[in-house]
């Protein structure tokens, strides 16, 4: 069995697994990414990670918008993304300070 694909997949998973933010003039944008393979999110759920960062960094924030890729098992794109895919969540709003 040829397993040369394992190292690139692991490297891709580690590179895509991040949470970050930008803040300027009372506005913020938080993003989180994860790699999904057969339903497992590596390193964890991107939506939960983005929500936690908003809560930790901006406790008085007003959320204006959010977007997250499908991670369900009931739609075509959700199933396809859960089998193997990159998932991303973005939350934007006002800092409240």
PDB file of N, CA and C in Angstrom:
ATOM      1  N   UNK A   1       0.835  -1.181   0.000  1.00  0.00           N
ATOM      2  CA  UNK A   1       0.000   0.000   0.000  1.00  0.00           C
ATOM      3  C   UNK A   1       0.878   1.242   0.000  1.00  0.00           C
ATOM      4  N   UNK A   2       0.592   2.150  -0.897  1.00  0.00           N
ATOM      5  CA  UNK A   2       1.357   3.386  -1.030  1.00  0.00           C
ATOM      6  C   UNK A   2       0.750   4.456  -0.124  1.00  0.00           C
ATOM      7  N   UNK A   3       1.481   4.901   0.875  1.00  0.00           N
ATOM      8  CA  UNK A   3       0.968   5.871   1.860  1.00  0.00           C
ATOM      9  C   UNK A   3       1.646   7.228   1.746  1.00  0.00           C
ATOM     10  N   UNK A   4       2.079   7.605   0.574  1.00  0.00           N
ATOM     11  CA  UNK A   4       2.754   8.890   0.386  1.00  0.00           C
ATOM     12  C   UNK A   4       1.815  10.065   0.587  1.00  0.00           C
ATOM     13  N   UNK A   5       0.526   9.852   0.552  1.00  0.00           N
ATOM     14  CA  UNK A   5      -0.454  10.932   0.703  1.00  0.00           C
ATOM     15  C   UNK A   5      -0.669  11.330   2.151  1.00  0.00           C
ATOM     16  N   UNK A   6      -0.253  10.535   3.119  1.00  0.00           N
ATOM     17  CA  UNK A   6      -0.522  10.807   4.536  1.00  0.00           C
ATOM     18  C   UNK A   6       0.167  12.088   5.011  1.00  0.00           C
ATOM     19  N   UNK A   7       1.445  12.259   4.715  1.00  0.00           N
ATOM     20  CA  UNK A   7       2.180  13.441   5.175  1.00  0.00           C
ATOM     21  C   UNK A   7       1.580  14.742   4.631  1.00  0.00           C
ATOM     22  N   UNK A   8       1.251  14.846   3.335  1.00  0.00           N
ATOM     23  CA  UNK A   8       0.640  16.087   2.855  1.00  0.00           C
ATOM     24  C   UNK A   8      -0.724  16.367   3.490  1.00  0.00           C
ATOM     25  N   UNK A   9      -1.504  15.337   3.745  1.00  0.00           N
ATOM     26  CA  UNK A   9      -2.811  15.535   4.377  1.00  0.00           C
ATOM     27  C   UNK A   9      -2.639  16.044   5.803  1.00  0.00           C
ATOM     28  N   UNK A  10      -1.718  15.489   6.559  1.00  0.00           N
ATOM     29  CA  UNK A  10      -1.448  15.939   7.923  1.00  0.00           C
ATOM     30  C   UNK A  10      -0.928  17.373   7.907  1.00  0.00           C
ATOM     31  N   UNK A  11      -0.024  17.690   6.993  1.00  0.00           N
ATOM     32  CA  UNK A  11       0.509  19.051   6.882  1.00  0.00           C
ATOM     33  C   UNK A  11      -0.594  20.040   6.532  1.00  0.00           C
ATOM     34  N   UNK A  12      -1.465  19.672   5.622  1.00  0.00           N
ATOM     35  CA  UNK A  12      -2.586  20.532   5.254  1.00  0.00           C
ATOM     36  C   UNK A  12      -3.505  20.762   6.441  1.00  0.00           C
ATOM     37  N   UNK A  13      -3.781  19.730   7.189  1.00  0.00           N
ATOM     38  CA  UNK A  13      -4.643  19.848   8.368  1.00  0.00           C
ATOM     39  C   UNK A  13      -4.044  20.796   9.394  1.00  0.00           C
ATOM     40  N   UNK A  14      -2.755  20.709   9.612  1.00  0.00           N
ATOM     41  CA  UNK A  14      -2.102  21.587  10.584  1.00  0.00           C
ATOM     42  C   UNK A  14      -2.051  23.026  10.094  1.00  0.00           C
ATOM     43  N   UNK A  15      -1.880  23.236   8.810  1.00  0.00           N
ATOM     44  CA  UNK A  15      -1.803  24.591   8.263  1.00  0.00           C
ATOM     45  C   UNK A  15      -3.164  25.276   8.233  1.00  0.00           C
ATOM     46  N   UNK A  16      -4.233  24.525   8.099  1.00  0.00           N
ATOM     47  CA  UNK A  16      -5.551  25.121   7.981  1.00  0.00           C
ATOM     48  C   UNK A  16      -6.249  25.283   9.323  1.00  0.00           C
ATOM     49  N   UNK A  17      -5.639  24.827  10.369  1.00  0.00           N
ATOM     50  CA  UNK A  17      -6.284  24.840  11.672  1.00  0.00           C
ATOM     51  C   UNK A  17      -5.866  26.078  12.449  1.00  0.00           C
ATOM     52  N   UNK A  18      -6.626  27.143  12.284  1.00  0.00           N
ATOM     53  CA  UNK A  18      -6.229  28.356  12.984  1.00  0.00           C
ATOM     54  C   UNK A  18      -7.452  29.193  13.358  1.00  0.00           C
ATOM     55  N   UNK A  19      -7.224  30.092  14.303  1.00  0.00           N
ATOM     56  CA  UNK A  19      -8.216  31.068  14.725  1.00  0.00           C
ATOM     57  C   UNK A  19      -7.498  32.405  14.781  1.00  0.00           C
ATOM     58  N   UNK A  20      -8.108  33.432  14.262  1.00  0.00           N
ATOM     59  CA  UNK A  20      -7.478  34.749  14.286  1.00  0.00           C
ATOM     60  C   UNK A  20      -8.513  35.856  14.252  1.00  0.00           C
ATOM     61  N   UNK A  21      -8.029  37.090  14.388  1.00  0.00           N
ATOM     62  CA  UNK A  21      -8.956  38.220  14.401  1.00  0.00           C
ATOM     63  C   UNK A  21      -8.287  39.468  13.863  1.00  0.00           C
ATOM     64  N   UNK A  22      -9.120  40.416  13.484  1.00  0.00           N
ATOM     65  CA  UNK A  22      -8.699  41.766  13.117  1.00  0.00           C
ATOM     66  C   UNK A  22      -9.616  42.722  13.843  1.00  0.00           C
ATOM     67  N   UNK A  23      -9.055  43.846  14.264  1.00  0.00           N
ATOM     68  CA  UNK A  23      -9.835  44.836  14.995  1.00  0.00           C
ATOM     69  C   UNK A  23      -9.361  46.221  14.582  1.00  0.00           C
ATOM     70  N   UNK A  24     -10.306  47.113  14.295  1.00  0.00           N
ATOM     71  CA  UNK A  24      -9.976  48.494  13.958  1.00  0.00           C
ATOM     72  C   UNK A  24     -11.213  49.361  14.143  1.00  0.00           C
ATOM     73  N   UNK A  25     -11.026  50.514  14.776  1.00  0.00           N
ATOM     74  CA  UNK A  25     -12.063  51.536  14.901  1.00  0.00           C
ATOM     75  C   UNK A  25     -13.389  50.985  15.413  1.00  0.00           C
ATOM     76  N   UNK A  26     -13.347  50.174  16.443  1.00  0.00           N
ATOM     77  CA  UNK A  26     -14.555  49.656  17.066  1.00  0.00           C
ATOM     78  C   UNK A  26     -15.221  48.498  16.341  1.00  0.00           C
ATOM     79  N   UNK A  27     -14.582  47.982  15.312  1.00  0.00           N
ATOM     80  CA  UNK A  27     -15.114  46.846  14.545  1.00  0.00           C
ATOM     81  C   UNK A  27     -14.174  45.662  14.716  1.00  0.00           C
ATOM     82  N   UNK A  28     -14.704  44.458  14.608  1.00  0.00           N
ATOM     83  CA  UNK A  28     -13.857  43.268  14.664  1.00  0.00           C
ATOM     84  C   UNK A  28     -14.341  42.230  13.664  1.00  0.00           C
ATOM     85  N   UNK A  29     -13.429  41.386  13.264  1.00  0.00           N
ATOM     86  CA  UNK A  29     -13.734  40.201  12.468  1.00  0.00           C
ATOM     87  C   UNK A  29     -12.896  39.058  13.023  1.00  0.00           C
ATOM     88  N   UNK A  30     -13.564  37.977  13.369  1.00  0.00           N
ATOM     89  CA  UNK A  30     -12.907  36.782  13.886  1.00  0.00           C
ATOM     90  C   UNK A  30     -13.119  35.669  12.863  1.00  0.00           C
ATOM     91  N   UNK A  31     -12.072  34.898  12.609  1.00  0.00           N
ATOM     92  CA  UNK A  31     -12.197  33.774  11.678  1.00  0.00           C
ATOM     93  C   UNK A  31     -11.589  32.528  12.318  1.00  0.00           C
ATOM     94  N   UNK A  32     -12.103  31.388  11.922  1.00  0.00           N
ATOM     95  CA  UNK A  32     -11.565  30.100  12.371  1.00  0.00           C
ATOM     96  C   UNK A  32     -11.722  29.107  11.231  1.00  0.00           C
ATOM     97  N   UNK A  33     -10.732  28.245  11.087  1.00  0.00           N
ATOM     98  CA  UNK A  33     -10.752  27.222  10.052  1.00  0.00           C
ATOM     99  C   UNK A  33     -10.464  25.859  10.656  1.00  0.00           C
ATOM    100  N   UNK A  34     -10.980  24.841  10.024  1.00  0.00           N
ATOM    101  CA  UNK A  34     -10.664  23.473  10.418  1.00  0.00           C
ATOM    102  C   UNK A  34     -10.710  22.591   9.177  1.00  0.00           C
ATOM    103  N   UNK A  35     -10.056  21.474   9.268  1.00  0.00           N
ATOM    104  CA  UNK A  35     -10.037  20.469   8.209  1.00  0.00           C
ATOM    105  C   UNK A  35     -10.952  19.343   8.659  1.00  0.00           C
ATOM    106  N   UNK A  36     -11.868  18.935   7.803  1.00  0.00           N
ATOM    107  CA  UNK A  36     -12.781  17.837   8.161  1.00  0.00           C
ATOM    108  C   UNK A  36     -12.520  16.643   7.261  1.00  0.00           C
ATOM    109  N   UNK A  37     -12.467  15.503   7.917  1.00  0.00           N
ATOM    110  CA  UNK A  37     -12.336  14.245   7.188  1.00  0.00           C
ATOM    111  C   UNK A  37     -13.253  13.232   7.861  1.00  0.00           C
ATOM    112  N   UNK A  38     -14.187  12.720   7.113  1.00  0.00           N
ATOM    113  CA  UNK A  38     -15.206  11.771   7.559  1.00  0.00           C
ATOM    114  C   UNK A  38     -15.896  12.281   8.837  1.00  0.00           C
ATOM    115  N   UNK A  39     -16.220  13.564   8.855  1.00  0.00           N
ATOM    116  CA  UNK A  39     -16.967  14.149   9.959  1.00  0.00           C
ATOM    117  C   UNK A  39     -16.150  14.643  11.135  1.00  0.00           C
ATOM    118  N   UNK A  40     -14.883  14.296  11.192  1.00  0.00           N
ATOM    119  CA  UNK A  40     -14.047  14.736  12.308  1.00  0.00           C
ATOM    120  C   UNK A  40     -13.379  16.059  11.962  1.00  0.00           C
ATOM    121  N   UNK A  41     -13.525  17.050  12.850  1.00  0.00           N
ATOM    122  CA  UNK A  41     -12.916  18.360  12.652  1.00  0.00           C
ATOM    123  C   UNK A  41     -11.545  18.379  13.311  1.00  0.00           C
ATOM    124  N   UNK A  42     -10.538  18.730  12.538  1.00  0.00           N
ATOM    125  CA  UNK A  42      -9.168  18.773  13.044  1.00  0.00           C
ATOM    126  C   UNK A  42      -8.724  20.227  13.030  1.00  0.00           C
ATOM    127  N   UNK A  43      -8.364  20.861  14.086  1.00  0.00           N
ATOM    128  CA  UNK A  43      -8.192  20.374  15.437  1.00  0.00           C
ATOM    129  C   UNK A  43      -9.480  20.404  16.246  1.00  0.00           C
ATOM    130  N   UNK A  44     -10.503  21.077  15.776  1.00  0.00           N
ATOM    131  CA  UNK A  44     -11.775  21.133  16.492  1.00  0.00           C
ATOM    132  C   UNK A  44     -12.783  21.911  15.669  1.00  0.00           C
ATOM    133  N   UNK A  45     -13.970  22.074  16.209  1.00  0.00           N
ATOM    134  CA  UNK A  45     -15.057  22.760  15.524  1.00  0.00           C
ATOM    135  C   UNK A  45     -14.716  24.227  15.306  1.00  0.00           C
ATOM    136  N   UNK A  46     -14.695  24.654  14.044  1.00  0.00           N
ATOM    137  CA  UNK A  46     -14.340  26.037  13.721  1.00  0.00           C
ATOM    138  C   UNK A  46     -15.376  27.031  14.227  1.00  0.00           C
ATOM    139  N   UNK A  47     -16.641  26.670  14.211  1.00  0.00           N
ATOM    140  CA  UNK A  47     -17.687  27.574  14.675  1.00  0.00           C
ATOM    141  C   UNK A  47     -17.555  27.815  16.188  1.00  0.00           C
ATOM    142  N   UNK A  48     -17.305  26.773  16.946  1.00  0.00           N
ATOM    143  CA  UNK A  48     -17.122  26.908  18.390  1.00  0.00           C
ATOM    144  C   UNK A  48     -15.870  27.720  18.712  1.00  0.00           C
ATOM    145  N   UNK A  49     -14.804  27.514  17.943  1.00  0.00           N
ATOM    146  CA  UNK A  49     -13.555  28.253  18.172  1.00  0.00           C
ATOM    147  C   UNK A  49     -13.739  29.744  17.910  1.00  0.00           C
ATOM    148  N   UNK A  50     -14.442  30.097  16.838  1.00  0.00           N
ATOM    149  CA  UNK A  50     -14.682  31.510  16.532  1.00  0.00           C
ATOM    150  C   UNK A  50     -15.563  32.150  17.597  1.00  0.00           C
ATOM    151  N   UNK A  51     -16.617  31.458  18.015  1.00  0.00           N
ATOM    152  CA  UNK A  51     -17.500  31.993  19.055  1.00  0.00           C
ATOM    153  C   UNK A  51     -16.761  32.184  20.377  1.00  0.00           C
ATOM    154  N   UNK A  52     -15.879  31.251  20.717  1.00  0.00           N
ATOM    155  CA  UNK A  52     -15.098  31.374  21.957  1.00  0.00           C
ATOM    156  C   UNK A  52     -14.163  32.575  21.901  1.00  0.00           C
ATOM    157  N   UNK A  53     -13.536  32.803  20.747  1.00  0.00           N
ATOM    158  CA  UNK A  53     -12.636  33.949  20.635  1.00  0.00           C
ATOM    159  C   UNK A  53     -13.404  35.263  20.768  1.00  0.00           C
ATOM    160  N   UNK A  54     -14.586  35.355  20.167  1.00  0.00           N
ATOM    161  CA  UNK A  54     -15.397  36.569  20.311  1.00  0.00           C
ATOM    162  C   UNK A  54     -15.734  36.787  21.783  1.00  0.00           C
ATOM    163  N   UNK A  55     -16.172  35.740  22.458  1.00  0.00           N
ATOM    164  CA  UNK A  55     -16.534  35.843  23.870  1.00  0.00           C
ATOM    165  C   UNK A  55     -15.337  36.247  24.730  1.00  0.00           C
ATOM    166  N   UNK A  56     -14.160  35.663  24.461  1.00  0.00           N
ATOM    167  CA  UNK A  56     -12.964  35.947  25.257  1.00  0.00           C
ATOM    168  C   UNK A  56     -12.391  37.338  24.977  1.00  0.00           C
ATOM    169  N   UNK A  57     -12.315  37.729  23.712  1.00  0.00           N
ATOM    170  CA  UNK A  57     -11.669  38.986  23.335  1.00  0.00           C
ATOM    171  C   UNK A  57     -12.594  40.202  23.424  1.00  0.00           C
ATOM    172  N   UNK A  58     -13.877  40.001  23.174  1.00  0.00           N
ATOM    173  CA  UNK A  58     -14.824  41.118  23.120  1.00  0.00           C
ATOM    174  C   UNK A  58     -16.082  40.774  23.919  1.00  0.00           C
ATOM    175  N   UNK A  59     -16.005  40.798  25.259  1.00  0.00           N
ATOM    176  CA  UNK A  59     -17.154  40.380  26.070  1.00  0.00           C
ATOM    177  C   UNK A  59     -18.400  41.258  25.901  1.00  0.00           C
ATOM    178  N   UNK A  60     -18.228  42.498  25.493  1.00  0.00           N
ATOM    179  CA  UNK A  60     -19.373  43.407  25.306  1.00  0.00           C
ATOM    180  C   UNK A  60     -19.722  43.597  23.836  1.00  0.00           C
ATOM    181  N   UNK A  61     -19.294  42.683  23.006  1.00  0.00           N
ATOM    182  CA  UNK A  61     -19.464  42.820  21.556  1.00  0.00           C
ATOM    183  C   UNK A  61     -20.915  42.682  21.127  1.00  0.00           C
ATOM    184  N   UNK A  62     -21.213  43.344  20.018  1.00  0.00           N
ATOM    185  CA  UNK A  62     -22.491  43.181  19.336  1.00  0.00           C
ATOM    186  C   UNK A  62     -22.193  42.497  18.013  1.00  0.00           C
ATOM    187  N   UNK A  63     -22.678  41.289  17.854  1.00  0.00           N
ATOM    188  CA  UNK A  63     -22.442  40.534  16.620  1.00  0.00           C
ATOM    189  C   UNK A  63     -23.330  41.087  15.524  1.00  0.00           C
ATOM    190  N   UNK A  64     -22.727  41.400  14.382  1.00  0.00           N
ATOM    191  CA  UNK A  64     -23.471  41.953  13.254  1.00  0.00           C
ATOM    192  C   UNK A  64     -23.717  40.885  12.192  1.00  0.00           C
ATOM    193  N   UNK A  65     -22.704  40.056  11.915  1.00  0.00           N
ATOM    194  CA  UNK A  65     -22.877  39.020  10.897  1.00  0.00           C
ATOM    195  C   UNK A  65     -22.014  37.812  11.224  1.00  0.00           C
ATOM    196  N   UNK A  66     -22.427  36.688  10.673  1.00  0.00           N
ATOM    197  CA  UNK A  66     -21.631  35.470  10.801  1.00  0.00           C
ATOM    198  C   UNK A  66     -21.877  34.609   9.566  1.00  0.00           C
ATOM    199  N   UNK A  67     -20.865  33.851   9.228  1.00  0.00           N
ATOM    200  CA  UNK A  67     -20.966  32.927   8.106  1.00  0.00           C
ATOM    201  C   UNK A  67     -20.149  31.686   8.438  1.00  0.00           C
ATOM    202  N   UNK A  68     -20.712  30.535   8.147  1.00  0.00           N
ATOM    203  CA  UNK A  68     -20.022  29.277   8.394  1.00  0.00           C
ATOM    204  C   UNK A  68     -20.341  28.316   7.259  1.00  0.00           C
ATOM    205  N   UNK A  69     -19.349  27.553   6.839  1.00  0.00           N
ATOM    206  CA  UNK A  69     -19.593  26.552   5.802  1.00  0.00           C
ATOM    207  C   UNK A  69     -20.456  25.424   6.358  1.00  0.00           C
ATOM    208  N   UNK A  70     -21.140  24.753   5.485  1.00  0.00           N
ATOM    209  CA  UNK A  70     -22.040  23.660   5.881  1.00  0.00           C
ATOM    210  C   UNK A  70     -21.273  22.522   6.526  1.00  0.00           C
ATOM    211  N   UNK A  71     -21.807  22.015   7.631  1.00  0.00           N
ATOM    212  CA  UNK A  71     -21.186  20.871   8.315  1.00  0.00           C
ATOM    213  C   UNK A  71     -22.262  19.876   8.732  1.00  0.00           C
ATOM    214  N   UNK A  72     -23.307  19.771   7.930  1.00  0.00           N
ATOM    215  CA  UNK A  72     -24.413  18.874   8.268  1.00  0.00           C
ATOM    216  C   UNK A  72     -24.359  17.620   7.401  1.00  0.00           C
ATOM    217  N   UNK A  73     -25.180  16.668   7.767  1.00  0.00           N
ATOM    218  CA  UNK A  73     -25.259  15.411   7.003  1.00  0.00           C
ATOM    219  C   UNK A  73     -26.575  15.314   6.240  1.00  0.00           C
ATOM    220  N   UNK A  74     -27.265  16.455   6.041  1.00  0.00           N
ATOM    221  CA  UNK A  74     -28.567  16.425   5.384  1.00  0.00           C
ATOM    222  C   UNK A  74     -28.583  17.136   4.041  1.00  0.00           C
ATOM    223  N   UNK A  75     -27.502  17.795   3.662  1.00  0.00           N
ATOM    224  CA  UNK A  75     -27.448  18.465   2.366  1.00  0.00           C
ATOM    225  C   UNK A  75     -26.253  17.944   1.570  1.00  0.00           C
ATOM    226  N   UNK A  76     -26.328  18.113   0.275  1.00  0.00           N
ATOM    227  CA  UNK A  76     -25.246  17.644  -0.598  1.00  0.00           C
ATOM    228  C   UNK A  76     -23.914  18.274  -0.214  1.00  0.00           C
ATOM    229  N   UNK A  77     -23.877  19.622  -0.094  1.00  0.00           N
ATOM    230  CA  UNK A  77     -22.623  20.318   0.221  1.00  0.00           C
ATOM    231  C   UNK A  77     -22.138  20.003   1.628  1.00  0.00           C
ATOM    232  N   UNK A  78     -23.068  19.820   2.557  1.00  0.00           N
ATOM    233  CA  UNK A  78     -22.673  19.447   3.909  1.00  0.00           C
ATOM    234  C   UNK A  78     -22.022  18.080   3.961  1.00  0.00           C
ATOM    235  N   UNK A  79     -22.607  17.107   3.280  1.00  0.00           N
ATOM    236  CA  UNK A  79     -22.042  15.750   3.247  1.00  0.00           C
ATOM    237  C   UNK A  79     -20.690  15.764   2.548  1.00  0.00           C
ATOM    238  N   UNK A  80     -20.617  16.426   1.411  1.00  0.00           N
ATOM    239  CA  UNK A  80     -19.361  16.488   0.669  1.00  0.00           C
ATOM    240  C   UNK A  80     -18.261  17.141   1.507  1.00  0.00           C
ATOM    241  N   UNK A  81     -18.583  18.242   2.189  1.00  0.00           N
ATOM    242  CA  UNK A  81     -17.606  18.918   3.045  1.00  0.00           C
ATOM    243  C   UNK A  81     -17.211  18.109   4.261  1.00  0.00           C
ATOM    244  N   UNK A  82     -18.122  17.309   4.775  1.00  0.00           N
ATOM    245  CA  UNK A  82     -17.809  16.473   5.937  1.00  0.00           C
ATOM    246  C   UNK A  82     -16.950  15.268   5.578  1.00  0.00           C
ATOM    247  N   UNK A  83     -17.078  14.766   4.364  1.00  0.00           N
ATOM    248  CA  UNK A  83     -16.254  13.630   3.954  1.00  0.00           C
ATOM    249  C   UNK A  83     -14.795  14.068   3.887  1.00  0.00           C
ATOM    250  N   UNK A  84     -14.538  15.150   3.190  1.00  0.00           N
ATOM    251  CA  UNK A  84     -13.199  15.755   3.194  1.00  0.00           C
ATOM    252  C   UNK A  84     -13.352  17.198   2.731  1.00  0.00           C
ATOM    253  N   UNK A  85     -12.956  18.120   3.588  1.00  0.00           N
ATOM    254  CA  UNK A  85     -13.104  19.514   3.216  1.00  0.00           C
ATOM    255  C   UNK A  85     -12.517  20.472   4.232  1.00  0.00           C
ATOM    256  N   UNK A  86     -12.390  21.697   3.814  1.00  0.00           N
ATOM    257  CA  UNK A  86     -11.942  22.777   4.678  1.00  0.00           C
ATOM    258  C   UNK A  86     -13.183  23.560   5.102  1.00  0.00           C
ATOM    259  N   UNK A  87     -13.318  23.802   6.387  1.00  0.00           N
ATOM    260  CA  UNK A  87     -14.462  24.529   6.903  1.00  0.00           C
ATOM    261  C   UNK A  87     -13.995  25.842   7.517  1.00  0.00           C
ATOM    262  N   UNK A  88     -14.824  26.879   7.371  1.00  0.00           N
ATOM    263  CA  UNK A  88     -14.451  28.192   7.872  1.00  0.00           C
ATOM    264  C   UNK A  88     -15.664  28.890   8.460  1.00  0.00           C
ATOM    265  N   UNK A  89     -15.425  29.624   9.553  1.00  0.00           N
ATOM    266  CA  UNK A  89     -16.451  30.449  10.184  1.00  0.00           C
ATOM    267  C   UNK A  89     -15.889  31.853  10.339  1.00  0.00           C
ATOM    268  N   UNK A  90     -16.715  32.858  10.015  1.00  0.00           N
ATOM    269  CA  UNK A  90     -16.337  34.258  10.179  1.00  0.00           C
ATOM    270  C   UNK A  90     -17.442  34.945  10.974  1.00  0.00           C
ATOM    271  N   UNK A  91     -17.059  35.680  11.998  1.00  0.00           N
ATOM    272  CA  UNK A  91     -17.996  36.462  12.820  1.00  0.00           C
ATOM    273  C   UNK A  91     -17.495  37.904  12.826  1.00  0.00           C
ATOM    274  N   UNK A  92     -18.396  38.847  12.516  1.00  0.00           N
ATOM    275  CA  UNK A  92     -18.038  40.265  12.509  1.00  0.00           C
ATOM    276  C   UNK A  92     -18.989  41.040  13.401  1.00  0.00           C
ATOM    277  N   UNK A  93     -18.525  42.174  13.907  1.00  0.00           N
ATOM    278  CA  UNK A  93     -19.389  42.990  14.730  1.00  0.00           C
ATOM    279  C   UNK A  93     -18.695  44.213  15.291  1.00  0.00           C
ATOM    280  N   UNK A  94     -19.331  44.791  16.306  1.00  0.00           N
ATOM    281  CA  UNK A  94     -18.828  45.974  16.989  1.00  0.00           C
ATOM    282  C   UNK A  94     -18.258  45.548  18.344  1.00  0.00           C
ATOM    283  N   UNK A  95     -17.100  46.117  18.694  1.00  0.00           N
ATOM    284  CA  UNK A  95     -16.407  45.673  19.899  1.00  0.00           C
ATOM    285  C   UNK A  95     -17.146  46.008  21.184  1.00  0.00           C
ATOM    286  N   UNK A  96     -17.948  47.049  21.206  1.00  0.00           N
ATOM    287  CA  UNK A  96     -18.689  47.401  22.420  1.00  0.00           C
ATOM    288  C   UNK A  96     -17.870  48.175  23.422  1.00  0.00           C
ATOM    289  N   UNK A  97     -16.658  48.615  23.031  1.00  0.00           N
ATOM    290  CA  UNK A  97     -15.866  49.397  23.973  1.00  0.00           C
ATOM    291  C   UNK A  97     -15.873  50.856  23.626  1.00  0.00           C
TER     292      UNK A  97
END
